[in-house]
Amino acid sequence: MNSGSTTSPTLTGLGSRTLIMGVLNVTPDSFSDGGLFSDHEAALRHAREMEDAGADIIDIGGESTRPGHTPVGAEEEQRRTIPVIRDLAGILNVPMSIDTYRAATARAALAAGARVVNDIWGFQYDPDMAATVAEHGAMAVVMHNRAEADPSLNLMVDMQRFFERSLDRARRAGIPDTHLILDPGIGFGKTADQNLEVLRRLPELKAMGFPVLVGASRKSVLGRFYKPEVSPRDRLYGTLGAHLVAVSRGADIIRVHDVKAHVEACRVADILLRGQP
């Protein structure tokens, strides 16, 4: 456990208000916006739009990680993401994160201007990831994940053990605790009921002493509350409901597709929950 501080060298306001991470998928097959921003200029434009709408960080991914996705190689992942990061580095005033579980891609992205690594396998896929983050003095989002869901699992116990392994790798690599953010991994290796349980029991994750990121935006766990024909892009209200519950239970960062709506909703939540003016 760290000292309990949520101050950050990169993310201004972390710990004092809810930060909004805007999703920029430069992929052709993302579950909710695949292909919309795979064009270079469209990606740059959308990143600027999210910043103008109030995003505190832009999360850039070059491989869809939705259930049943088709993996791409590191070379293709970098072809999609690095030119975008390089060009945005001279435009944006907010930091960028690279959504990858590959150390080679993280290294290239950090060299191009990213300042955060968002690893969906929490340093447990690529043995070089923790060292790469440490070498660049970057921050990292450490996400809980499983190869497949197990309905019989005590998920909170599994999550704690997973994070203990991740934190051990981070510390051995020399990453300060103040550079780490935990993500319960909504929609990754969990049943629908387990995803909801995670949101209900978020304070148990907060008790580990780290900032927490939650990303339920448009995900299939919300689809159970909609008619089957409703597309992921039309799940805004359910997304807002899940994220506001997460904020009320201690989430520090919300990863979203719909930035403006979340900026406004979380501003109200922060006033009521954190006593902000």
Protein backbone atom coordinates (compact mmCIF):
# COMPACT_ATOMS: atom_id res chain seq x y z
CA MET A 1 0.00 0.00 0.00
CA ASN A 2 1.20 3.52 -0.67
CA SER A 3 0.96 6.49 1.62
CA GLY A 4 -2.59 7.20 0.49
CA SER A 5 -1.61 10.26 -1.52
CA THR A 6 -3.28 10.69 -4.89
CA THR A 7 -1.06 13.51 -6.11
CA SER A 8 0.34 12.98 -9.57
CA PRO A 9 3.28 14.40 -11.50
CA THR A 10 1.30 14.17 -14.73
CA LEU A 11 -2.45 14.37 -14.11
CA THR A 12 -3.40 17.76 -12.73
CA GLY A 13 -6.28 17.60 -10.26
CA LEU A 14 -6.02 13.87 -9.54
CA GLY A 15 -7.44 13.26 -6.09
CA SER A 16 -9.21 16.61 -5.82
CA ARG A 17 -11.77 16.15 -8.61
CA THR A 18 -12.95 13.52 -11.05
CA LEU A 19 -10.74 13.41 -14.12
CA ILE A 20 -12.15 12.53 -17.53
CA MET A 21 -10.15 10.29 -19.85
CA GLY A 22 -11.36 10.57 -23.44
CA VAL A 23 -11.15 7.45 -25.61
CA LEU A 24 -9.50 7.72 -29.02
CA ASN A 25 -9.61 4.40 -30.87
CA VAL A 26 -7.56 4.54 -34.05
CA THR A 27 -8.78 1.07 -35.01
CA PRO A 28 -11.17 -0.26 -37.67
CA ASP A 29 -12.92 -2.67 -35.29
CA SER A 30 -13.54 -1.06 -31.89
CA PHE A 31 -16.84 -2.27 -30.42
CA SER A 32 -18.48 1.16 -30.33
CA ASP A 33 -16.69 3.49 -32.76
CA GLY A 34 -14.60 1.23 -34.96
CA GLY A 35 -13.35 3.00 -38.06
CA LEU A 36 -14.60 6.47 -37.12
CA PHE A 37 -11.14 7.73 -36.19
CA SER A 38 -8.79 5.38 -38.03
CA ASP A 39 -8.14 8.18 -40.51
CA HIS A 40 -5.21 10.28 -39.27
CA GLU A 41 -6.84 13.68 -39.64
CA ALA A 42 -10.10 12.45 -38.12
CA ALA A 43 -8.16 11.16 -35.10
CA LEU A 44 -6.39 14.49 -34.60
CA ARG A 45 -9.65 16.38 -34.93
CA HIS A 46 -11.48 14.16 -32.43
CA ALA A 47 -8.67 14.46 -29.88
CA ARG A 48 -8.86 18.25 -30.09
CA GLU A 49 -12.65 18.10 -29.79
CA MET A 50 -12.39 16.00 -26.63
CA GLU A 51 -9.86 18.38 -25.14
CA ASP A 52 -12.12 21.33 -25.95
CA ALA A 53 -15.01 19.47 -24.29
CA GLY A 54 -13.00 19.20 -21.07
CA ALA A 55 -11.09 15.91 -21.24
CA ASP A 56 -8.15 15.76 -18.82
CA ILE A 57 -6.32 13.04 -20.71
CA ILE A 58 -6.63 11.41 -24.14
CA ASP A 59 -6.25 7.61 -24.23
CA ILE A 60 -5.08 6.36 -27.63
CA GLY A 61 -5.41 2.71 -28.64
CA GLY A 62 -4.42 0.89 -31.81
CA GLU A 63 -5.89 -2.54 -31.11
CA SER A 64 -9.45 -3.39 -30.21
CA THR A 65 -9.62 -5.43 -26.99
CA ARG A 66 -13.34 -6.12 -27.12
CA PRO A 67 -14.45 -9.74 -26.56
CA GLY A 68 -13.65 -11.78 -29.67
CA HIS A 69 -11.31 -9.17 -31.10
CA THR A 70 -8.67 -10.02 -33.67
CA PRO A 71 -5.21 -9.29 -32.25
CA VAL A 72 -2.81 -7.23 -34.32
CA GLY A 73 0.96 -7.24 -34.17
CA ALA A 74 3.06 -4.60 -32.47
CA GLU A 75 4.16 -3.18 -35.82
CA GLU A 76 0.58 -2.55 -36.96
CA GLU A 77 -0.40 -1.21 -33.54
CA GLN A 78 2.43 1.30 -33.71
CA ARG A 79 1.66 2.21 -37.32
CA ARG A 80 -1.81 3.24 -36.18
CA THR A 81 -0.92 5.07 -32.99
CA ILE A 82 2.56 6.60 -33.08
CA PRO A 83 1.99 9.15 -35.89
CA VAL A 84 -1.16 10.32 -34.10
CA ILE A 85 0.64 10.67 -30.77
CA ARG A 86 3.57 12.44 -32.39
CA ASP A 87 1.33 15.01 -34.09
CA LEU A 88 -0.91 15.52 -31.06
CA ALA A 89 2.11 16.12 -28.83
CA GLY A 90 2.53 19.50 -30.48
CA ILE A 91 -1.16 20.38 -30.34
CA LEU A 92 -2.74 19.18 -27.11
CA ASN A 93 -2.37 20.82 -23.72
CA VAL A 94 -3.53 17.71 -21.87
CA PRO A 95 -1.46 14.52 -21.50
CA MET A 96 -1.89 11.43 -23.64
CA SER A 97 -1.90 7.78 -22.62
CA ILE A 98 -1.17 4.79 -24.79
CA ASP A 99 -3.61 1.90 -24.45
CA THR A 100 -1.35 -1.12 -24.95
CA TYR A 101 -0.09 -4.26 -23.23
CA ARG A 102 3.10 -4.40 -25.32
CA ALA A 103 6.30 -2.85 -24.00
CA ALA A 104 7.60 -2.08 -27.50
CA THR A 105 4.51 -0.04 -28.32
CA ALA A 106 4.59 1.68 -24.94
CA ARG A 107 8.24 2.60 -25.45
CA ALA A 108 7.57 4.07 -28.89
CA ALA A 109 4.52 5.97 -27.65
CA LEU A 110 6.35 7.45 -24.66
CA ALA A 111 9.18 8.55 -26.95
CA ALA A 112 6.60 10.18 -29.25
CA GLY A 113 4.98 12.18 -26.45
CA ALA A 114 2.63 10.00 -24.40
CA ARG A 115 3.02 10.28 -20.63
CA VAL A 116 0.86 7.42 -19.34
CA VAL A 117 0.68 3.71 -20.19
CA ASN A 118 -2.75 2.08 -19.91
CA ASP A 119 -2.01 -1.65 -19.64
CA ILE A 120 -5.04 -3.95 -19.70
CA TRP A 121 -2.90 -6.77 -18.29
CA GLY A 122 -1.35 -4.79 -15.46
CA PHE A 123 2.33 -5.57 -16.22
CA GLN A 124 1.51 -9.29 -16.36
CA TYR A 125 1.50 -9.87 -20.14
CA ASP A 126 4.80 -8.37 -21.28
CA PRO A 127 7.69 -8.90 -18.83
CA ASP A 128 9.36 -5.70 -20.09
CA MET A 129 6.38 -3.40 -19.51
CA ALA A 130 7.12 -2.36 -15.93
CA ALA A 131 10.76 -1.60 -16.76
CA THR A 132 9.66 0.45 -19.77
CA VAL A 133 7.33 2.56 -17.64
CA ALA A 134 10.05 3.04 -15.02
CA GLU A 135 12.68 3.97 -17.60
CA HIS A 136 10.52 6.81 -18.92
CA GLY A 137 9.27 7.99 -15.53
CA ALA A 138 5.75 7.48 -16.84
CA MET A 139 2.51 6.88 -15.01
CA ALA A 140 0.60 3.66 -15.55
CA VAL A 141 -2.95 2.40 -15.33
CA VAL A 142 -2.78 -1.14 -13.97
CA MET A 143 -5.92 -3.04 -15.00
CA HIS A 144 -7.29 -6.30 -13.62
CA ASN A 145 -7.92 -8.91 -16.27
CA ARG A 146 -8.57 -12.62 -16.68
CA ALA A 147 -8.29 -14.92 -19.69
CA GLU A 148 -11.90 -15.97 -19.14
CA ALA A 149 -14.75 -15.35 -16.71
CA ASP A 150 -15.35 -17.70 -13.79
CA PRO A 151 -18.81 -17.24 -12.23
CA SER A 152 -17.78 -19.17 -9.10
CA LEU A 153 -14.82 -16.91 -8.37
CA ASN A 154 -14.58 -14.58 -5.38
CA LEU A 155 -13.74 -11.73 -7.68
CA MET A 156 -12.62 -9.20 -5.10
CA VAL A 157 -10.14 -11.67 -3.63
CA ASP A 158 -8.88 -12.50 -7.13
CA MET A 159 -8.56 -8.80 -7.91
CA GLN A 160 -6.56 -8.07 -4.79
CA ARG A 161 -4.16 -10.93 -5.50
CA PHE A 162 -3.80 -9.78 -9.12
CA PHE A 163 -2.96 -6.24 -8.06
CA GLU A 164 -0.49 -7.45 -5.45
CA ARG A 165 1.41 -9.25 -8.22
CA SER A 166 1.26 -6.17 -10.46
CA LEU A 167 2.41 -3.84 -7.69
CA ASP A 168 5.28 -6.16 -6.85
CA ARG A 169 6.46 -6.04 -10.47
CA ALA A 170 6.10 -2.26 -10.53
CA ARG A 171 8.07 -1.76 -7.34
CA ARG A 172 10.84 -4.15 -8.38
CA ALA A 173 11.15 -2.17 -11.62
CA GLY A 174 11.44 1.08 -9.67
CA ILE A 175 8.05 2.65 -10.44
CA PRO A 176 6.96 4.92 -7.56
CA ASP A 177 3.55 4.16 -6.07
CA THR A 178 2.54 7.74 -6.91
CA HIS A 179 2.80 6.84 -10.61
CA LEU A 180 0.24 4.03 -10.41
CA ILE A 181 -3.53 3.93 -10.93
CA LEU A 182 -5.69 0.83 -10.46
CA ASP A 183 -8.49 -0.16 -12.84
CA PRO A 184 -10.92 -3.00 -11.92
CA GLY A 185 -11.32 -3.86 -15.62
CA ILE A 186 -15.07 -3.61 -16.20
CA GLY A 187 -15.92 -5.95 -19.08
CA PHE A 188 -12.67 -7.93 -18.98
CA GLY A 189 -12.76 -11.57 -17.84
CA LYS A 190 -15.89 -11.11 -15.74
CA THR A 191 -19.52 -12.12 -15.90
CA ALA A 192 -22.18 -9.40 -16.15
CA ASP A 193 -23.03 -9.87 -12.47
CA GLN A 194 -19.38 -9.68 -11.48
CA ASN A 195 -18.98 -6.41 -13.36
CA LEU A 196 -21.84 -4.92 -11.39
CA GLU A 197 -20.45 -6.33 -8.15
CA VAL A 198 -17.14 -4.60 -8.83
CA LEU A 199 -18.91 -1.26 -9.12
CA ARG A 200 -20.83 -1.86 -5.90
CA ARG A 201 -17.69 -2.84 -4.01
CA LEU A 202 -15.34 -0.20 -5.40
CA PRO A 203 -14.47 1.10 -1.90
CA GLU A 204 -12.67 -2.19 -1.25
CA LEU A 205 -10.37 -1.45 -4.19
CA LYS A 206 -9.90 2.15 -3.03
CA ALA A 207 -8.77 0.77 0.33
CA MET A 208 -5.56 -0.40 -1.36
CA GLY A 209 -4.50 3.24 -1.29
CA PHE A 210 -4.23 4.10 -4.99
CA PRO A 211 -6.25 6.26 -7.38
CA VAL A 212 -8.88 4.23 -9.22
CA LEU A 213 -9.97 4.46 -12.86
CA VAL A 214 -13.29 3.03 -14.03
CA GLY A 215 -14.25 2.52 -17.67
CA ALA A 216 -17.75 1.20 -18.29
CA SER A 217 -18.44 3.42 -21.28
CA ARG A 218 -20.94 1.82 -23.70
CA LYS A 219 -19.89 -1.69 -22.61
CA SER A 220 -21.93 -4.84 -22.98
CA VAL A 221 -22.59 -5.07 -19.23
CA LEU A 222 -24.85 -2.06 -19.77
CA GLY A 223 -26.54 -3.74 -22.73
CA ARG A 224 -28.62 -5.93 -20.43
CA PHE A 225 -30.58 -2.82 -19.51
CA TYR A 226 -31.41 -2.00 -23.14
CA LYS A 227 -33.33 -3.63 -25.96
CA PRO A 228 -31.09 -5.87 -28.09
CA GLU A 229 -31.24 -3.54 -31.07
CA VAL A 230 -29.74 -0.61 -29.14
CA SER A 231 -26.19 -0.02 -30.38
CA PRO A 232 -23.27 0.72 -28.03
CA ARG A 233 -23.26 4.34 -29.21
CA ASP A 234 -26.76 4.76 -27.75
CA ARG A 235 -25.83 3.65 -24.22
CA LEU A 236 -24.93 7.11 -22.93
CA TYR A 237 -27.51 7.29 -20.16
CA GLY A 238 -26.67 3.85 -18.80
CA THR A 239 -23.00 4.76 -19.00
CA LEU A 240 -23.60 7.94 -17.02
CA GLY A 241 -25.49 5.98 -14.39
CA ALA A 242 -22.68 3.46 -13.94
CA HIS A 243 -19.99 6.11 -13.88
CA LEU A 244 -21.74 8.35 -11.39
CA VAL A 245 -22.16 5.38 -9.06
CA ALA A 246 -18.43 4.73 -9.49
CA VAL A 247 -17.61 8.34 -8.65
CA SER A 248 -19.80 8.14 -5.54
CA ARG A 249 -17.83 5.06 -4.49
CA GLY A 250 -14.44 6.63 -4.94
CA ALA A 251 -13.42 6.51 -8.62
CA ASP A 252 -10.88 9.22 -9.43
CA ILE A 253 -10.80 8.87 -13.23
CA ILE A 254 -13.58 7.90 -15.64
CA ARG A 255 -12.67 6.59 -19.09
CA VAL A 256 -15.35 7.67 -21.56
CA HIS A 257 -16.38 8.08 -25.18
CA ASP A 258 -18.83 10.94 -24.49
CA VAL A 259 -16.64 13.59 -22.90
CA LYS A 260 -18.92 16.63 -22.66
CA ALA A 261 -21.76 14.76 -20.93
CA HIS A 262 -19.36 13.28 -18.39
CA VAL A 263 -17.61 16.57 -17.70
CA GLU A 264 -20.94 18.17 -16.83
CA ALA A 265 -22.26 15.20 -14.82
CA CYS A 266 -19.03 14.76 -12.86
CA ARG A 267 -18.85 18.47 -12.10
CA VAL A 268 -22.18 18.16 -10.32
CA ALA A 269 -21.04 14.98 -8.59
CA ASP A 270 -17.85 16.64 -7.39
CA ILE A 271 -19.76 19.58 -5.97
CA LEU A 272 -22.06 17.26 -4.03
CA LEU A 273 -19.50 14.62 -3.02
CA ARG A 274 -16.26 16.59 -2.67
CA GLY A 275 -17.70 19.95 -1.66
CA GLN A 276 -16.13 21.76 -4.56
CA PRO A 277 -17.32 25.30 -5.28
